[in-house]
Amino acid sequence: MPASKPIAVTAGDPSGVGPEIIARWARDVADKQRFRLYGPPALLRETGLPGHACGGGTLPLADGKPTVAGARAAWAAMEAAAEACAAGEVRAVVTGPVCKATLIEAGFGYPGQTEFFAAKWGGEPSMGFVGESLRVLLATWHLPLRTAAEALVARPELLGHAVERAGTLARRLGAAEPRIAVCGLNPHAGEGGLMGREEADHLDPALDRLRREWPGLSRCLPGDTVFHRARNGEFDVVVALYHDQGLAPLKTVEFHTAVNITLGLPHVRTSPDHGTAFDIAGRGLADPRSFARAVSLADRLSATER
């Protein structure tokens, strides 16, 4: 999509930190025509960004008190931005943080925004994260741990999708020959079968097949050391097999700098790697760096989209 097209920004839950981090980010935006904001009227007025009002004019901003009305406004913003991107009016979407609990109360039928945009745009999504020193791709995400382990054995395509998206992301970020590390499922990556057979019987054979296309792909590596190795430059990206395996180390070192990116869809969607933070909303404590980096990454990737 042409780089001249604007980037959509959704405000997220109006009661969380989304509006205040967007307002702080917008102060430094010189060319406001490069963006389209989808959110409460009060936020459009405060930021001066062009866009589309979603939700009533009386919705309180950043008051730390989630409501179903606020969730409906966040949902409406997501709908409008997704439609605008599908219609070619904008070239990417950056989403503010939402509250899944109140969205469900409002009738939202998806586990999260990743699944919502996949349903709206088509494609098979993968959840990835780009920080300053770590890049992480999840093979599974919003699944209970037992279900995730069972799915990785029963559905080898999950690992295949993760490796493909990890390699593609690394290439788009400048790695000509991506070095992809894959975490094991069990402690010490199974320790040769002493601590679990999933690696030896299922995961490593699948990785051996995938290595024909991705020569820089590892076998299963112990998850307790692989992120340290990646931070020291040994790998371009790490594939984690389940949600907390990847996000615990990432958020420990990149809480304010990592960006969530949805891969495998026809359009670029990024978001800050944090939630609504209702406990600090409106107190001027929210850090806007992750949001600013989410905008920068969306700009970079959508300008080079194939």
C-alpha atoms as a PDB file:
ATOM      1  CA  MET A   1       0.000   0.000   0.000  1.00  0.00           C
ATOM      2  CA  PRO A   2       1.367   3.482  -0.815  1.00  0.00           C
ATOM      3  CA  ALA A   3       3.327   5.135   1.981  1.00  0.00           C
ATOM      4  CA  SER A   4       1.317   8.294   1.291  1.00  0.00           C
ATOM      5  CA  LYS A   5      -1.759   6.673   2.854  1.00  0.00           C
ATOM      6  CA  PRO A   6      -2.364   7.547   6.525  1.00  0.00           C
ATOM      7  CA  ILE A   7      -2.044   5.163   9.464  1.00  0.00           C
ATOM      8  CA  ALA A   8      -5.114   4.414  11.589  1.00  0.00           C
ATOM      9  CA  VAL A   9      -4.884   4.746  15.377  1.00  0.00           C
ATOM     10  CA  THR A  10      -7.561   3.352  17.694  1.00  0.00           C
ATOM     11  CA  ALA A  11      -7.907   4.856  21.156  1.00  0.00           C
ATOM     12  CA  GLY A  12      -8.511   1.604  23.036  1.00  0.00           C
ATOM     13  CA  ASP A  13     -10.601   1.616  26.196  1.00  0.00           C
ATOM     14  CA  PRO A  14     -11.337   5.268  27.008  1.00  0.00           C
ATOM     15  CA  SER A  15     -11.019   4.624  30.755  1.00  0.00           C
ATOM     16  CA  GLY A  16      -7.492   3.186  30.492  1.00  0.00           C
ATOM     17  CA  VAL A  17      -4.142   4.727  29.654  1.00  0.00           C
ATOM     18  CA  GLY A  18      -4.713   4.619  25.888  1.00  0.00           C
ATOM     19  CA  PRO A  19      -6.083   8.157  25.533  1.00  0.00           C
ATOM     20  CA  GLU A  20      -3.342   9.771  27.592  1.00  0.00           C
ATOM     21  CA  ILE A  21      -0.456   8.004  25.852  1.00  0.00           C
ATOM     22  CA  ILE A  22      -1.984   8.878  22.469  1.00  0.00           C
ATOM     23  CA  ALA A  23      -2.400  12.497  23.545  1.00  0.00           C
ATOM     24  CA  ARG A  24       1.218  12.681  24.715  1.00  0.00           C
ATOM     25  CA  TRP A  25       2.464  11.040  21.507  1.00  0.00           C
ATOM     26  CA  ALA A  26       0.339  13.359  19.331  1.00  0.00           C
ATOM     27  CA  ARG A  27       1.987  16.471  20.791  1.00  0.00           C
ATOM     28  CA  ASP A  28       5.160  15.599  18.888  1.00  0.00           C
ATOM     29  CA  VAL A  29       3.420  14.722  15.604  1.00  0.00           C
ATOM     30  CA  ALA A  30       4.288  17.471  13.151  1.00  0.00           C
ATOM     31  CA  ASP A  31       2.214  16.220  10.212  1.00  0.00           C
ATOM     32  CA  LYS A  32      -1.088  15.172  11.732  1.00  0.00           C
ATOM     33  CA  GLN A  33      -2.520  14.341   8.308  1.00  0.00           C
ATOM     34  CA  ARG A  34      -0.367  11.202   8.300  1.00  0.00           C
ATOM     35  CA  PHE A  35      -2.777   9.652  10.827  1.00  0.00           C
ATOM     36  CA  ARG A  36      -6.473   8.916  11.345  1.00  0.00           C
ATOM     37  CA  LEU A  37      -7.661   8.615  14.933  1.00  0.00           C
ATOM     38  CA  TYR A  38     -10.669   6.453  15.803  1.00  0.00           C
ATOM     39  CA  GLY A  39     -11.866   7.235  19.306  1.00  0.00           C
ATOM     40  CA  PRO A  40     -13.990   9.421  21.590  1.00  0.00           C
ATOM     41  CA  PRO A  41     -14.757  12.962  20.362  1.00  0.00           C
ATOM     42  CA  ALA A  42     -12.931  14.491  23.337  1.00  0.00           C
ATOM     43  CA  LEU A  43      -9.697  12.749  22.327  1.00  0.00           C
ATOM     44  CA  LEU A  44      -9.995  13.914  18.722  1.00  0.00           C
ATOM     45  CA  ARG A  45     -10.353  17.480  19.971  1.00  0.00           C
ATOM     46  CA  GLU A  46      -7.441  17.160  22.390  1.00  0.00           C
ATOM     47  CA  THR A  47      -4.999  15.672  19.879  1.00  0.00           C
ATOM     48  CA  GLY A  48      -6.043  17.640  16.805  1.00  0.00           C
ATOM     49  CA  LEU A  49      -5.741  14.468  14.733  1.00  0.00           C
ATOM     50  CA  PRO A  50      -8.219  13.939  11.914  1.00  0.00           C
ATOM     51  CA  GLY A  51     -10.368  10.880  12.294  1.00  0.00           C
ATOM     52  CA  HIS A  52     -13.677   9.341  13.191  1.00  0.00           C
ATOM     53  CA  ALA A  53     -15.592   9.759  16.453  1.00  0.00           C
ATOM     54  CA  CYS A  54     -16.507   6.470  18.142  1.00  0.00           C
ATOM     55  CA  GLY A  55     -18.607   6.537  21.293  1.00  0.00           C
ATOM     56  CA  GLY A  56     -20.574   9.285  22.934  1.00  0.00           C
ATOM     57  CA  GLY A  57     -19.225  12.715  23.678  1.00  0.00           C
ATOM     58  CA  THR A  58     -19.773  12.229  27.414  1.00  0.00           C
ATOM     59  CA  LEU A  59     -17.437   9.232  27.831  1.00  0.00           C
ATOM     60  CA  PRO A  60     -14.865  10.041  30.533  1.00  0.00           C
ATOM     61  CA  LEU A  61     -11.246   9.657  29.472  1.00  0.00           C
ATOM     62  CA  ALA A  62      -8.568   7.884  31.519  1.00  0.00           C
ATOM     63  CA  ASP A  63     -10.589   7.744  34.735  1.00  0.00           C
ATOM     64  CA  GLY A  64      -9.592   4.153  35.572  1.00  0.00           C
ATOM     65  CA  LYS A  65     -13.193   2.932  35.743  1.00  0.00           C
ATOM     66  CA  PRO A  66     -13.961   0.465  32.929  1.00  0.00           C
ATOM     67  CA  THR A  67     -17.534   0.379  31.661  1.00  0.00           C
ATOM     68  CA  VAL A  68     -19.446  -1.538  29.018  1.00  0.00           C
ATOM     69  CA  ALA A  69     -20.129   1.752  27.244  1.00  0.00           C
ATOM     70  CA  GLY A  70     -16.405   2.373  27.041  1.00  0.00           C
ATOM     71  CA  ALA A  71     -15.823  -1.148  25.729  1.00  0.00           C
ATOM     72  CA  ARG A  72     -18.415  -0.568  23.015  1.00  0.00           C
ATOM     73  CA  ALA A  73     -16.617   2.622  22.006  1.00  0.00           C
ATOM     74  CA  ALA A  74     -13.297   0.755  21.802  1.00  0.00           C
ATOM     75  CA  TRP A  75     -14.949  -1.977  19.743  1.00  0.00           C
ATOM     76  CA  ALA A  76     -16.515   0.572  17.382  1.00  0.00           C
ATOM     77  CA  ALA A  77     -13.094   2.141  16.839  1.00  0.00           C
ATOM     78  CA  MET A  78     -11.615  -1.247  15.967  1.00  0.00           C
ATOM     79  CA  GLU A  79     -14.448  -1.947  13.528  1.00  0.00           C
ATOM     80  CA  ALA A  80     -14.063   1.421  11.789  1.00  0.00           C
ATOM     81  CA  ALA A  81     -10.276   1.154  11.529  1.00  0.00           C
ATOM     82  CA  ALA A  82     -10.425  -2.416  10.209  1.00  0.00           C
ATOM     83  CA  GLU A  83     -12.946  -1.393   7.555  1.00  0.00           C
ATOM     84  CA  ALA A  84     -10.897   1.634   6.543  1.00  0.00           C
ATOM     85  CA  CYS A  85      -7.773  -0.497   6.127  1.00  0.00           C
ATOM     86  CA  ALA A  86      -9.619  -3.160   4.128  1.00  0.00           C
ATOM     87  CA  ALA A  87     -11.007  -0.416   1.864  1.00  0.00           C
ATOM     88  CA  GLY A  88      -7.531   1.013   1.232  1.00  0.00           C
ATOM     89  CA  GLU A  89      -8.230   4.296   3.031  1.00  0.00           C
ATOM     90  CA  VAL A  90      -5.405   3.698   5.528  1.00  0.00           C
ATOM     91  CA  ARG A  91      -2.287   1.536   5.218  1.00  0.00           C
ATOM     92  CA  ALA A  92      -1.946   0.106   8.740  1.00  0.00           C
ATOM     93  CA  VAL A  93      -3.671   0.047  12.130  1.00  0.00           C
ATOM     94  CA  VAL A  94      -2.117   0.822  15.515  1.00  0.00           C
ATOM     95  CA  THR A  95      -4.446  -0.229  18.333  1.00  0.00           C
ATOM     96  CA  GLY A  96      -4.681   1.163  21.830  1.00  0.00           C
ATOM     97  CA  PRO A  97      -5.073  -1.256  24.776  1.00  0.00           C
ATOM     98  CA  VAL A  98      -8.522  -2.698  25.507  1.00  0.00           C
ATOM     99  CA  CYS A  99     -10.153  -4.498  28.421  1.00  0.00           C
ATOM    100  CA  LYS A 100     -11.139  -8.027  27.393  1.00  0.00           C
ATOM    101  CA  ALA A 101     -13.513  -8.491  30.333  1.00  0.00           C
ATOM    102  CA  THR A 102     -15.727  -5.504  29.515  1.00  0.00           C
ATOM    103  CA  LEU A 103     -15.519  -6.258  25.792  1.00  0.00           C
ATOM    104  CA  ILE A 104     -16.961  -9.697  26.512  1.00  0.00           C
ATOM    105  CA  GLU A 105     -19.707  -8.058  28.561  1.00  0.00           C
ATOM    106  CA  ALA A 106     -20.453  -5.890  25.532  1.00  0.00           C
ATOM    107  CA  GLY A 107     -20.821  -8.972  23.309  1.00  0.00           C
ATOM    108  CA  PHE A 108     -17.351  -9.063  21.739  1.00  0.00           C
ATOM    109  CA  GLY A 109     -16.862 -12.586  20.410  1.00  0.00           C
ATOM    110  CA  TYR A 110     -13.062 -12.826  20.173  1.00  0.00           C
ATOM    111  CA  PRO A 111     -10.303 -13.710  22.665  1.00  0.00           C
ATOM    112  CA  GLY A 112      -8.477 -10.501  21.786  1.00  0.00           C
ATOM    113  CA  GLN A 113      -7.687  -7.921  19.127  1.00  0.00           C
ATOM    114  CA  THR A 114      -5.394 -10.334  17.262  1.00  0.00           C
ATOM    115  CA  GLU A 115      -8.288 -12.693  16.541  1.00  0.00           C
ATOM    116  CA  PHE A 116     -10.638  -9.790  15.763  1.00  0.00           C
ATOM    117  CA  PHE A 117      -8.451  -8.405  12.979  1.00  0.00           C
ATOM    118  CA  ALA A 118      -7.852 -11.894  11.599  1.00  0.00           C
ATOM    119  CA  ALA A 119     -11.618 -12.375  11.342  1.00  0.00           C
ATOM    120  CA  LYS A 120     -12.088  -8.990   9.671  1.00  0.00           C
ATOM    121  CA  TRP A 121      -9.225  -9.241   7.199  1.00  0.00           C
ATOM    122  CA  GLY A 122      -8.732 -12.972   6.697  1.00  0.00           C
ATOM    123  CA  GLY A 123      -5.495 -14.861   7.145  1.00  0.00           C
ATOM    124  CA  GLU A 124      -3.985 -17.089   9.819  1.00  0.00           C
ATOM    125  CA  PRO A 125      -2.553 -14.833  12.543  1.00  0.00           C
ATOM    126  CA  SER A 126       0.622 -15.166  14.547  1.00  0.00           C
ATOM    127  CA  MET A 127       1.458 -12.979  17.525  1.00  0.00           C
ATOM    128  CA  GLY A 128       4.877 -11.371  17.469  1.00  0.00           C
ATOM    129  CA  PHE A 129       6.795  -8.814  19.526  1.00  0.00           C
ATOM    130  CA  VAL A 130       9.571  -6.451  18.506  1.00  0.00           C
ATOM    131  CA  GLY A 131      11.707  -4.804  21.175  1.00  0.00           C
ATOM    132  CA  GLU A 132      15.029  -3.051  21.172  1.00  0.00           C
ATOM    133  CA  SER A 133      17.012  -6.168  22.049  1.00  0.00           C
ATOM    134  CA  LEU A 134      14.506  -9.037  21.628  1.00  0.00           C
ATOM    135  CA  ARG A 135      12.183 -10.195  18.894  1.00  0.00           C
ATOM    136  CA  VAL A 136       9.769 -12.941  19.866  1.00  0.00           C
ATOM    137  CA  LEU A 137       7.198 -14.936  17.912  1.00  0.00           C
ATOM    138  CA  LEU A 138       4.597 -17.088  19.696  1.00  0.00           C
ATOM    139  CA  ALA A 139       3.599 -20.469  18.289  1.00  0.00           C
ATOM    140  CA  THR A 140       0.485 -20.437  20.517  1.00  0.00           C
ATOM    141  CA  TRP A 141      -0.850 -17.631  22.666  1.00  0.00           C
ATOM    142  CA  HIS A 142      -4.344 -17.425  24.191  1.00  0.00           C
ATOM    143  CA  LEU A 143      -4.520 -21.116  25.148  1.00  0.00           C
ATOM    144  CA  PRO A 144      -4.367 -22.826  28.541  1.00  0.00           C
ATOM    145  CA  LEU A 145      -0.914 -24.348  29.043  1.00  0.00           C
ATOM    146  CA  ARG A 146      -2.088 -27.966  28.830  1.00  0.00           C
ATOM    147  CA  THR A 147      -4.050 -27.226  25.649  1.00  0.00           C
ATOM    148  CA  ALA A 148      -1.073 -25.442  24.116  1.00  0.00           C
ATOM    149  CA  ALA A 149       1.200 -28.447  24.693  1.00  0.00           C
ATOM    150  CA  GLU A 150      -1.366 -30.810  23.198  1.00  0.00           C
ATOM    151  CA  ALA A 151      -1.924 -28.524  20.203  1.00  0.00           C
ATOM    152  CA  LEU A 152       1.791 -28.300  19.388  1.00  0.00           C
ATOM    153  CA  VAL A 153       1.972 -32.098  19.122  1.00  0.00           C
ATOM    154  CA  ALA A 154      -1.326 -32.579  17.286  1.00  0.00           C
ATOM    155  CA  ARG A 155      -0.950 -29.644  14.901  1.00  0.00           C
ATOM    156  CA  PRO A 156       2.604 -29.362  13.532  1.00  0.00           C
ATOM    157  CA  GLU A 157       1.458 -26.496  11.304  1.00  0.00           C
ATOM    158  CA  LEU A 158       1.454 -24.250  14.405  1.00  0.00           C
ATOM    159  CA  LEU A 159       5.227 -24.543  14.648  1.00  0.00           C
ATOM    160  CA  GLY A 160       5.550 -24.212  10.882  1.00  0.00           C
ATOM    161  CA  HIS A 161       3.549 -20.967  10.818  1.00  0.00           C
ATOM    162  CA  ALA A 162       5.572 -19.563  13.708  1.00  0.00           C
ATOM    163  CA  VAL A 163       8.914 -20.321  12.059  1.00  0.00           C
ATOM    164  CA  GLU A 164       7.782 -18.891   8.720  1.00  0.00           C
ATOM    165  CA  ARG A 165       6.473 -15.667  10.291  1.00  0.00           C
ATOM    166  CA  ALA A 166       9.566 -15.349  12.494  1.00  0.00           C
ATOM    167  CA  GLY A 167      11.850 -15.647   9.485  1.00  0.00           C
ATOM    168  CA  THR A 168       9.772 -13.249   7.416  1.00  0.00           C
ATOM    169  CA  LEU A 169       9.711 -10.681  10.211  1.00  0.00           C
ATOM    170  CA  ALA A 170      13.479 -10.937  10.671  1.00  0.00           C
ATOM    171  CA  ARG A 171      14.010 -10.405   6.951  1.00  0.00           C
ATOM    172  CA  ARG A 172      11.726  -7.370   6.864  1.00  0.00           C
ATOM    173  CA  LEU A 173      13.713  -5.932   9.748  1.00  0.00           C
ATOM    174  CA  GLY A 174      16.994  -6.360   7.916  1.00  0.00           C
ATOM    175  CA  ALA A 175      18.284  -9.926   8.469  1.00  0.00           C
ATOM    176  CA  ALA A 176      19.248 -11.349   5.074  1.00  0.00           C
ATOM    177  CA  GLU A 177      19.676 -14.885   6.472  1.00  0.00           C
ATOM    178  CA  PRO A 178      17.520 -15.082   9.614  1.00  0.00           C
ATOM    179  CA  ARG A 179      18.883 -16.910  12.640  1.00  0.00           C
ATOM    180  CA  ILE A 180      15.813 -18.380  14.342  1.00  0.00           C
ATOM    181  CA  ALA A 181      15.932 -19.896  17.816  1.00  0.00           C
ATOM    182  CA  VAL A 182      13.119 -22.175  18.993  1.00  0.00           C
ATOM    183  CA  CYS A 183      12.381 -22.813  22.666  1.00  0.00           C
ATOM    184  CA  GLY A 184      11.803 -26.327  23.882  1.00  0.00           C
ATOM    185  CA  LEU A 185       8.537 -27.204  25.581  1.00  0.00           C
ATOM    186  CA  ASN A 186      10.030 -29.029  28.569  1.00  0.00           C
ATOM    187  CA  PRO A 187      12.807 -28.052  31.002  1.00  0.00           C
ATOM    188  CA  HIS A 188      16.217 -28.252  29.295  1.00  0.00           C
ATOM    189  CA  ALA A 189      14.351 -28.895  26.015  1.00  0.00           C
ATOM    190  CA  GLY A 190      13.546 -32.391  27.256  1.00  0.00           C
ATOM    191  CA  GLU A 191      17.134 -33.331  28.196  1.00  0.00           C
ATOM    192  CA  GLY A 192      17.261 -36.049  25.536  1.00  0.00           C
ATOM    193  CA  GLY A 193      13.911 -37.472  26.632  1.00  0.00           C
ATOM    194  CA  LEU A 194      14.612 -37.525  30.372  1.00  0.00           C
ATOM    195  CA  MET A 195      12.241 -34.601  31.002  1.00  0.00           C
ATOM    196  CA  GLY A 196       9.677 -35.149  28.270  1.00  0.00           C
ATOM    197  CA  ARG A 197       9.477 -36.694  24.813  1.00  0.00           C
ATOM    198  CA  GLU A 198       7.745 -33.878  22.890  1.00  0.00           C
ATOM    199  CA  GLU A 199      10.992 -32.422  21.552  1.00  0.00           C
ATOM    200  CA  ALA A 200      12.568 -35.698  20.437  1.00  0.00           C
ATOM    201  CA  ASP A 201       9.397 -37.271  19.047  1.00  0.00           C
ATOM    202  CA  HIS A 202       7.606 -34.301  17.486  1.00  0.00           C
ATOM    203  CA  LEU A 203       9.174 -30.852  17.632  1.00  0.00           C
ATOM    204  CA  ASP A 204      12.774 -31.501  16.562  1.00  0.00           C
ATOM    205  CA  PRO A 205      11.746 -33.686  13.578  1.00  0.00           C
ATOM    206  CA  ALA A 206       9.425 -30.874  12.451  1.00  0.00           C
ATOM    207  CA  LEU A 207      12.238 -28.346  12.799  1.00  0.00           C
ATOM    208  CA  ASP A 208      14.570 -30.596  10.798  1.00  0.00           C
ATOM    209  CA  ARG A 209      12.070 -30.469   7.924  1.00  0.00           C
ATOM    210  CA  LEU A 210      11.614 -26.694   8.215  1.00  0.00           C
ATOM    211  CA  ARG A 211      15.369 -26.149   8.138  1.00  0.00           C
ATOM    212  CA  ARG A 212      15.395 -26.934   4.409  1.00  0.00           C
ATOM    213  CA  GLU A 213      13.721 -23.561   3.872  1.00  0.00           C
ATOM    214  CA  TRP A 214      15.244 -21.766   6.857  1.00  0.00           C
ATOM    215  CA  PRO A 215      18.916 -22.846   7.177  1.00  0.00           C
ATOM    216  CA  GLY A 216      19.454 -20.650  10.229  1.00  0.00           C
ATOM    217  CA  LEU A 217      16.790 -22.492  12.248  1.00  0.00           C
ATOM    218  CA  SER A 218      17.821 -24.133  15.519  1.00  0.00           C
ATOM    219  CA  ARG A 219      16.575 -27.349  17.071  1.00  0.00           C
ATOM    220  CA  CYS A 220      14.673 -26.992  20.365  1.00  0.00           C
ATOM    221  CA  LEU A 221      16.791 -25.038  22.835  1.00  0.00           C
ATOM    222  CA  PRO A 222      16.412 -24.662  26.613  1.00  0.00           C
ATOM    223  CA  GLY A 223      14.009 -21.794  27.221  1.00  0.00           C
ATOM    224  CA  ASP A 224      15.906 -20.631  30.314  1.00  0.00           C
ATOM    225  CA  THR A 225      18.979 -19.532  28.323  1.00  0.00           C
ATOM    226  CA  VAL A 226      17.821 -18.814  24.784  1.00  0.00           C
ATOM    227  CA  PHE A 227      16.617 -15.256  25.454  1.00  0.00           C
ATOM    228  CA  HIS A 228      19.963 -14.339  27.009  1.00  0.00           C
ATOM    229  CA  ARG A 229      21.674 -15.696  23.909  1.00  0.00           C
ATOM    230  CA  ALA A 230      19.354 -13.722  21.640  1.00  0.00           C
ATOM    231  CA  ARG A 231      19.976 -10.494  23.551  1.00  0.00           C
ATOM    232  CA  ASN A 232      23.706 -11.081  23.080  1.00  0.00           C
ATOM    233  CA  GLY A 233      23.239 -11.191  19.309  1.00  0.00           C
ATOM    234  CA  GLU A 234      23.317 -14.933  18.631  1.00  0.00           C
ATOM    235  CA  PHE A 235      19.801 -15.011  17.109  1.00  0.00           C
ATOM    236  CA  ASP A 236      17.624 -12.556  15.184  1.00  0.00           C
ATOM    237  CA  VAL A 237      14.324 -13.848  16.573  1.00  0.00           C
ATOM    238  CA  VAL A 238      13.089 -16.379  19.140  1.00  0.00           C
ATOM    239  CA  VAL A 239      10.071 -18.647  18.664  1.00  0.00           C
ATOM    240  CA  ALA A 240       8.398 -19.320  22.015  1.00  0.00           C
ATOM    241  CA  LEU A 241       5.934 -22.197  22.184  1.00  0.00           C
ATOM    242  CA  TYR A 242       3.385 -20.674  24.536  1.00  0.00           C
ATOM    243  CA  HIS A 243       2.325 -17.276  25.833  1.00  0.00           C
ATOM    244  CA  ASP A 244       4.225 -16.811  29.084  1.00  0.00           C
ATOM    245  CA  GLN A 245       7.345 -18.584  27.842  1.00  0.00           C
ATOM    246  CA  GLY A 246       7.880 -15.694  25.446  1.00  0.00           C
ATOM    247  CA  LEU A 247       6.279 -12.780  27.245  1.00  0.00           C
ATOM    248  CA  ALA A 248       7.778 -13.231  30.718  1.00  0.00           C
ATOM    249  CA  PRO A 249      11.366 -12.601  29.547  1.00  0.00           C
ATOM    250  CA  LEU A 250      10.291 -10.034  26.968  1.00  0.00           C
ATOM    251  CA  LYS A 251       8.342  -7.902  29.424  1.00  0.00           C
ATOM    252  CA  THR A 252      11.057  -8.186  32.048  1.00  0.00           C
ATOM    253  CA  VAL A 253      13.557  -6.388  29.827  1.00  0.00           C
ATOM    254  CA  GLU A 254      11.322  -4.582  27.286  1.00  0.00           C
ATOM    255  CA  PHE A 255       8.177  -3.607  29.196  1.00  0.00           C
ATOM    256  CA  HIS A 256       8.179  -0.015  27.914  1.00  0.00           C
ATOM    257  CA  THR A 257       9.792  -0.636  24.530  1.00  0.00           C
ATOM    258  CA  ALA A 258       8.326  -3.815  23.013  1.00  0.00           C
ATOM    259  CA  VAL A 259       5.646  -3.698  20.329  1.00  0.00           C
ATOM    260  CA  ASN A 260       2.981  -6.311  19.625  1.00  0.00           C
ATOM    261  CA  ILE A 261       2.592  -7.109  15.921  1.00  0.00           C
ATOM    262  CA  THR A 262       0.055  -9.403  14.285  1.00  0.00           C
ATOM    263  CA  LEU A 263       1.670 -11.381  11.462  1.00  0.00           C
ATOM    264  CA  GLY A 264       0.066 -13.510   8.773  1.00  0.00           C
ATOM    265  CA  LEU A 265      -2.646 -10.967   7.864  1.00  0.00           C
ATOM    266  CA  PRO A 266      -2.974  -8.937   4.646  1.00  0.00           C
ATOM    267  CA  HIS A 267      -2.499  -5.630   6.507  1.00  0.00           C
ATOM    268  CA  VAL A 268      -0.142  -4.382   9.222  1.00  0.00           C
ATOM    269  CA  ARG A 269      -1.479  -4.151  12.777  1.00  0.00           C
ATOM    270  CA  THR A 270       0.648  -3.207  15.771  1.00  0.00           C
ATOM    271  CA  SER A 271      -0.057  -2.200  19.358  1.00  0.00           C
ATOM    272  CA  PRO A 272       1.841  -1.267  22.516  1.00  0.00           C
ATOM    273  CA  ASP A 273       2.873  -4.280  24.556  1.00  0.00           C
ATOM    274  CA  HIS A 274       0.925  -3.347  27.662  1.00  0.00           C
ATOM    275  CA  GLY A 275      -2.654  -3.279  28.853  1.00  0.00           C
ATOM    276  CA  THR A 276      -5.125  -0.643  29.950  1.00  0.00           C
ATOM    277  CA  ALA A 277      -3.405  -0.063  33.330  1.00  0.00           C
ATOM    278  CA  PHE A 278      -6.590   1.252  34.939  1.00  0.00           C
ATOM    279  CA  ASP A 279      -4.751   1.652  38.251  1.00  0.00           C
ATOM    280  CA  ILE A 280      -2.584   4.475  36.888  1.00  0.00           C
ATOM    281  CA  ALA A 281      -4.910   5.908  34.230  1.00  0.00           C
ATOM    282  CA  GLY A 282      -5.208   9.680  34.340  1.00  0.00           C
ATOM    283  CA  ARG A 283      -2.324  10.119  36.785  1.00  0.00           C
ATOM    284  CA  GLY A 284       0.331  11.062  34.237  1.00  0.00           C
ATOM    285  CA  LEU A 285       2.375   7.943  34.993  1.00  0.00           C
ATOM    286  CA  ALA A 286       1.807   5.983  31.767  1.00  0.00           C
ATOM    287  CA  ASP A 287       4.901   5.595  29.595  1.00  0.00           C
ATOM    288  CA  PRO A 288       4.182   6.364  25.908  1.00  0.00           C
ATOM    289  CA  ARG A 289       7.338   4.750  24.491  1.00  0.00           C
ATOM    290  CA  SER A 290       5.753   1.421  23.533  1.00  0.00           C
ATOM    291  CA  PHE A 291       2.939   3.212  21.717  1.00  0.00           C
ATOM    292  CA  ALA A 292       5.353   5.502  19.875  1.00  0.00           C
ATOM    293  CA  ARG A 293       7.403   2.475  18.822  1.00  0.00           C
ATOM    294  CA  ALA A 294       4.213   0.718  17.686  1.00  0.00           C
ATOM    295  CA  VAL A 295       3.475   3.640  15.376  1.00  0.00           C
ATOM    296  CA  SER A 296       7.056   3.675  14.093  1.00  0.00           C
ATOM    297  CA  LEU A 297       7.023  -0.076  13.371  1.00  0.00           C
ATOM    298  CA  ALA A 298       3.652   0.127  11.610  1.00  0.00           C
ATOM    299  CA  ASP A 299       4.974   2.972   9.493  1.00  0.00           C
ATOM    300  CA  ARG A 300       8.141   1.060   8.605  1.00  0.00           C
ATOM    301  CA  LEU A 301       6.468  -2.242   7.751  1.00  0.00           C
ATOM    302  CA  SER A 302       3.471  -0.832   5.870  1.00  0.00           C
ATOM    303  CA  ALA A 303       5.740   1.342   3.754  1.00  0.00           C
ATOM    304  CA  THR A 304       7.595  -1.806   2.624  1.00  0.00           C
ATOM    305  CA  GLU A 305       4.588  -4.142   2.392  1.00  0.00           C
ATOM    306  CA  ARG A 306       4.707  -6.566  -0.502  1.00  0.00           C
END
